[in-house]
N, C-alpha and C. Protein backbone atom coordinates (compact mmCIF):
# COMPACT_ATOMS: atom_id res chain seq x y z
N MET A 1 158.99 81.35 95.44
CA MET A 1 158.73 80.73 94.15
C MET A 1 159.75 81.27 93.14
N LYS A 2 160.48 80.37 92.52
CA LYS A 2 161.50 80.75 91.55
C LYS A 2 160.91 80.73 90.15
N ILE A 3 161.19 81.78 89.40
CA ILE A 3 160.70 81.89 88.03
C ILE A 3 161.73 81.29 87.08
N SER A 4 161.25 80.55 86.10
CA SER A 4 162.09 80.02 85.03
C SER A 4 161.60 80.61 83.72
N TYR A 5 162.48 80.64 82.75
CA TYR A 5 162.18 81.26 81.46
C TYR A 5 162.51 80.31 80.32
N VAL A 6 161.65 80.31 79.32
CA VAL A 6 161.94 79.71 78.03
C VAL A 6 162.13 80.90 77.10
N TYR A 7 163.19 80.85 76.31
CA TYR A 7 163.49 82.00 75.46
C TYR A 7 163.91 81.54 74.07
N ILE A 8 163.73 82.44 73.11
CA ILE A 8 164.17 82.19 71.74
C ILE A 8 165.06 83.35 71.34
N LEU A 9 166.23 83.00 70.80
CA LEU A 9 167.17 83.97 70.27
C LEU A 9 167.19 83.86 68.76
N LYS A 10 167.29 85.00 68.10
CA LYS A 10 167.52 85.00 66.66
C LYS A 10 169.01 85.26 66.47
N CYS A 11 169.66 84.37 65.75
CA CYS A 11 171.10 84.45 65.56
C CYS A 11 171.43 85.24 64.29
N ALA A 12 172.69 85.61 64.15
CA ALA A 12 173.15 86.39 63.01
C ALA A 12 172.88 85.68 61.69
N ASP A 13 172.89 84.34 61.69
CA ASP A 13 172.61 83.59 60.46
C ASP A 13 171.12 83.35 60.26
N THR A 14 170.29 84.02 61.05
CA THR A 14 168.81 83.98 61.06
C THR A 14 168.23 82.69 61.63
N SER A 15 169.07 81.80 62.15
CA SER A 15 168.54 80.62 62.82
C SER A 15 167.99 81.02 64.19
N TYR A 16 167.17 80.14 64.75
CA TYR A 16 166.61 80.37 66.07
C TYR A 16 167.23 79.39 67.06
N TYR A 17 167.48 79.88 68.25
CA TYR A 17 167.97 79.05 69.35
C TYR A 17 166.95 79.14 70.47
N THR A 18 166.51 78.01 70.99
CA THR A 18 165.56 77.96 72.09
C THR A 18 166.26 77.41 73.32
N GLY A 19 166.09 78.09 74.45
CA GLY A 19 166.72 77.65 75.68
C GLY A 19 165.83 77.86 76.88
N VAL A 20 166.32 77.40 78.03
CA VAL A 20 165.61 77.55 79.30
C VAL A 20 166.62 78.00 80.35
N THR A 21 166.20 78.86 81.25
CA THR A 21 167.10 79.38 82.28
C THR A 21 166.29 79.89 83.46
N SER A 22 166.96 80.06 84.59
CA SER A 22 166.32 80.68 85.75
C SER A 22 166.77 82.14 85.90
N ASN A 23 167.74 82.56 85.07
CA ASN A 23 168.21 83.95 85.11
C ASN A 23 168.38 84.43 83.67
N LEU A 24 167.34 85.03 83.14
CA LEU A 24 167.31 85.41 81.73
C LEU A 24 168.38 86.44 81.39
N ASN A 25 168.54 87.46 82.21
CA ASN A 25 169.52 88.49 81.90
C ASN A 25 170.94 87.94 81.87
N LYS A 26 171.27 87.12 82.85
CA LYS A 26 172.61 86.52 82.90
C LYS A 26 172.85 85.62 81.70
N ARG A 27 171.86 84.79 81.37
CA ARG A 27 172.03 83.86 80.26
C ARG A 27 172.15 84.59 78.93
N LEU A 28 171.37 85.65 78.76
CA LEU A 28 171.45 86.44 77.53
C LEU A 28 172.83 87.08 77.40
N THR A 29 173.35 87.60 78.49
CA THR A 29 174.70 88.17 78.50
C THR A 29 175.73 87.12 78.12
N GLN A 30 175.56 85.90 78.62
CA GLN A 30 176.48 84.81 78.28
C GLN A 30 176.43 84.49 76.79
N HIS A 31 175.23 84.44 76.22
CA HIS A 31 175.10 84.18 74.79
C HIS A 31 175.77 85.29 73.98
N LYS A 32 175.50 86.52 74.34
CA LYS A 32 176.03 87.66 73.58
C LYS A 32 177.55 87.76 73.67
N SER A 33 178.13 87.38 74.80
CA SER A 33 179.57 87.50 74.99
C SER A 33 180.34 86.27 74.51
N GLY A 34 179.62 85.18 74.22
CA GLY A 34 180.29 83.95 73.82
C GLY A 34 180.92 83.23 74.99
N PHE A 35 180.30 83.33 76.15
CA PHE A 35 180.83 82.76 77.39
C PHE A 35 181.12 81.27 77.27
N TYR A 36 180.21 80.54 76.61
CA TYR A 36 180.40 79.10 76.40
C TYR A 36 180.79 78.88 74.94
N ARG A 37 182.04 78.50 74.71
CA ARG A 37 182.55 78.35 73.35
C ARG A 37 181.89 77.20 72.58
N ASP A 38 181.36 76.22 73.29
CA ASP A 38 180.73 75.07 72.64
C ASP A 38 179.23 75.27 72.41
N CYS A 39 178.70 76.40 72.80
CA CYS A 39 177.27 76.68 72.66
C CYS A 39 176.91 76.89 71.19
N PHE A 40 175.70 76.50 70.81
CA PHE A 40 175.18 76.67 69.46
C PHE A 40 175.33 78.12 68.98
N THR A 41 175.13 79.07 69.86
CA THR A 41 175.11 80.47 69.47
C THR A 41 176.50 81.10 69.35
N TYR A 42 177.53 80.42 69.81
CA TYR A 42 178.86 81.02 69.86
C TYR A 42 179.31 81.55 68.50
N ARG A 43 179.19 80.75 67.47
CA ARG A 43 179.61 81.14 66.13
C ARG A 43 178.51 81.84 65.35
N ARG A 44 177.38 82.06 65.99
CA ARG A 44 176.22 82.68 65.32
C ARG A 44 175.90 84.05 65.92
N ARG A 45 176.85 84.62 66.60
CA ARG A 45 176.65 85.94 67.20
C ARG A 45 176.78 87.02 66.14
N PRO A 46 176.12 88.16 66.33
CA PRO A 46 175.34 88.54 67.50
C PRO A 46 173.98 87.86 67.53
N VAL A 47 173.43 87.78 68.73
CA VAL A 47 172.11 87.19 68.93
C VAL A 47 171.17 88.26 69.48
N GLU A 48 169.88 88.04 69.24
CA GLU A 48 168.85 88.97 69.69
C GLU A 48 167.72 88.18 70.36
N LEU A 49 167.32 88.60 71.54
CA LEU A 49 166.18 87.97 72.21
C LEU A 49 164.91 88.38 71.49
N VAL A 50 164.16 87.39 70.98
CA VAL A 50 162.94 87.70 70.23
C VAL A 50 161.68 87.19 70.92
N PHE A 51 161.85 86.33 71.93
CA PHE A 51 160.69 85.80 72.66
C PHE A 51 161.14 85.24 73.99
N TYR A 52 160.28 85.42 75.00
CA TYR A 52 160.48 84.69 76.25
C TYR A 52 159.14 84.53 76.95
N ALA A 53 159.07 83.49 77.77
CA ALA A 53 157.87 83.23 78.57
C ALA A 53 158.33 82.83 79.96
N GLU A 54 157.57 83.24 80.96
CA GLU A 54 157.89 82.93 82.36
C GLU A 54 157.08 81.73 82.83
N PHE A 55 157.71 80.92 83.69
CA PHE A 55 157.07 79.75 84.27
C PHE A 55 157.38 79.69 85.75
N THR A 56 156.43 79.23 86.52
CA THR A 56 156.65 79.06 87.96
C THR A 56 157.15 77.66 88.28
N SER A 57 157.19 76.81 87.28
CA SER A 57 157.66 75.43 87.44
C SER A 57 158.77 75.16 86.43
N ILE A 58 159.94 74.76 86.93
CA ILE A 58 161.06 74.46 86.03
C ILE A 58 160.73 73.29 85.12
N SER A 59 159.97 72.32 85.63
CA SER A 59 159.63 71.17 84.79
C SER A 59 158.72 71.59 83.63
N MET A 60 157.80 72.50 83.87
CA MET A 60 156.96 73.01 82.78
C MET A 60 157.79 73.79 81.77
N ALA A 61 158.75 74.56 82.25
CA ALA A 61 159.63 75.32 81.36
C ALA A 61 160.44 74.38 80.48
N ILE A 62 160.99 73.33 81.07
CA ILE A 62 161.79 72.37 80.31
C ILE A 62 160.93 71.64 79.28
N ASP A 63 159.73 71.24 79.68
CA ASP A 63 158.82 70.58 78.74
C ASP A 63 158.47 71.49 77.57
N THR A 64 158.24 72.77 77.86
CA THR A 64 157.90 73.73 76.82
C THR A 64 159.09 73.95 75.88
N GLU A 65 160.29 74.06 76.45
CA GLU A 65 161.49 74.21 75.63
C GLU A 65 161.63 73.03 74.67
N LYS A 66 161.47 71.83 75.17
CA LYS A 66 161.59 70.64 74.33
C LYS A 66 160.55 70.64 73.21
N GLN A 67 159.35 71.09 73.56
CA GLN A 67 158.27 71.15 72.57
C GLN A 67 158.61 72.16 71.48
N ILE A 68 159.03 73.35 71.86
CA ILE A 68 159.34 74.41 70.88
C ILE A 68 160.50 73.99 69.99
N LYS A 69 161.50 73.31 70.55
CA LYS A 69 162.65 72.88 69.75
C LYS A 69 162.25 71.96 68.61
N LYS A 70 161.14 71.26 68.74
CA LYS A 70 160.66 70.35 67.69
C LYS A 70 159.84 71.07 66.62
N TRP A 71 159.48 72.31 66.88
CA TRP A 71 158.61 73.05 65.97
C TRP A 71 159.35 73.47 64.70
N SER A 72 158.56 73.67 63.66
CA SER A 72 159.09 74.21 62.41
C SER A 72 159.44 75.69 62.61
N ARG A 73 160.23 76.22 61.70
CA ARG A 73 160.57 77.64 61.74
C ARG A 73 159.31 78.50 61.66
N ALA A 74 158.37 78.11 60.82
CA ALA A 74 157.13 78.87 60.65
C ALA A 74 156.33 78.93 61.96
N LYS A 75 156.30 77.83 62.66
CA LYS A 75 155.55 77.79 63.93
C LYS A 75 156.26 78.64 64.98
N LYS A 76 157.59 78.58 65.03
CA LYS A 76 158.34 79.44 65.95
C LYS A 76 158.11 80.91 65.61
N GLN A 77 158.09 81.23 64.32
CA GLN A 77 157.87 82.61 63.90
C GLN A 77 156.48 83.09 64.33
N ALA A 78 155.48 82.25 64.22
CA ALA A 78 154.13 82.61 64.65
C ALA A 78 154.11 82.89 66.15
N LEU A 79 154.82 82.08 66.93
CA LEU A 79 154.90 82.31 68.38
C LEU A 79 155.58 83.65 68.66
N ILE A 80 156.69 83.90 68.00
CA ILE A 80 157.42 85.16 68.17
C ILE A 80 156.55 86.35 67.82
N ASP A 81 155.79 86.22 66.73
CA ASP A 81 154.93 87.31 66.26
C ASP A 81 153.64 87.46 67.06
N GLY A 82 153.38 86.50 67.95
CA GLY A 82 152.15 86.56 68.74
C GLY A 82 150.93 86.10 67.97
N ASP A 83 151.13 85.39 66.88
CA ASP A 83 150.02 84.86 66.07
C ASP A 83 149.60 83.50 66.61
N TYR A 84 149.06 83.49 67.82
CA TYR A 84 148.75 82.25 68.53
C TYR A 84 147.68 81.42 67.83
N ASP A 85 146.79 82.06 67.09
CA ASP A 85 145.74 81.33 66.38
C ASP A 85 146.32 80.43 65.28
N LYS A 86 147.49 80.78 64.77
CA LYS A 86 148.11 79.99 63.70
C LYS A 86 148.82 78.74 64.22
N LEU A 87 149.17 78.71 65.50
CA LEU A 87 150.01 77.64 66.02
C LEU A 87 149.45 76.23 65.79
N PRO A 88 148.16 75.98 66.03
CA PRO A 88 147.66 74.61 65.84
C PRO A 88 147.77 74.10 64.41
N ASN A 89 147.75 75.00 63.44
CA ASN A 89 147.74 74.59 62.03
C ASN A 89 149.13 74.50 61.41
N LEU A 90 150.15 74.90 62.14
CA LEU A 90 151.50 74.86 61.58
C LEU A 90 152.20 73.59 62.03
N ALA A 91 152.48 72.74 61.09
CA ALA A 91 153.14 71.47 61.39
C ALA A 91 154.59 71.53 60.92
N LYS A 92 155.38 70.63 61.44
CA LYS A 92 156.80 70.58 61.06
C LYS A 92 156.96 70.15 59.61
N LYS A 93 156.10 69.26 59.15
CA LYS A 93 156.20 68.78 57.78
C LYS A 93 154.97 69.22 56.99
N ASN A 94 155.18 69.42 55.70
CA ASN A 94 154.05 69.72 54.82
C ASN A 94 153.42 68.40 54.40
N PHE A 95 152.12 68.30 54.61
CA PHE A 95 151.42 67.06 54.26
C PHE A 95 150.63 67.24 53.00
């Protein structure tokens, strides 16, 4: 069974980057070194790993990554902080 990871990086400009990988250590090293020049994080280094979750299904990991990418900054921050009770009430837009 192969483990997949969804991760969130905090960039030097305080933005968040959400990604998915099957090798977290390798991918983090790539982000930190600027391995991919066209990557979102390349010009936003240094980056810091602030959250990750493990999945036994790559499709579940990809679905979760897509979901998190749509979240507001406040909702991502609640996830990072482990404030799971706040997640249902944090919407992308203020109503």
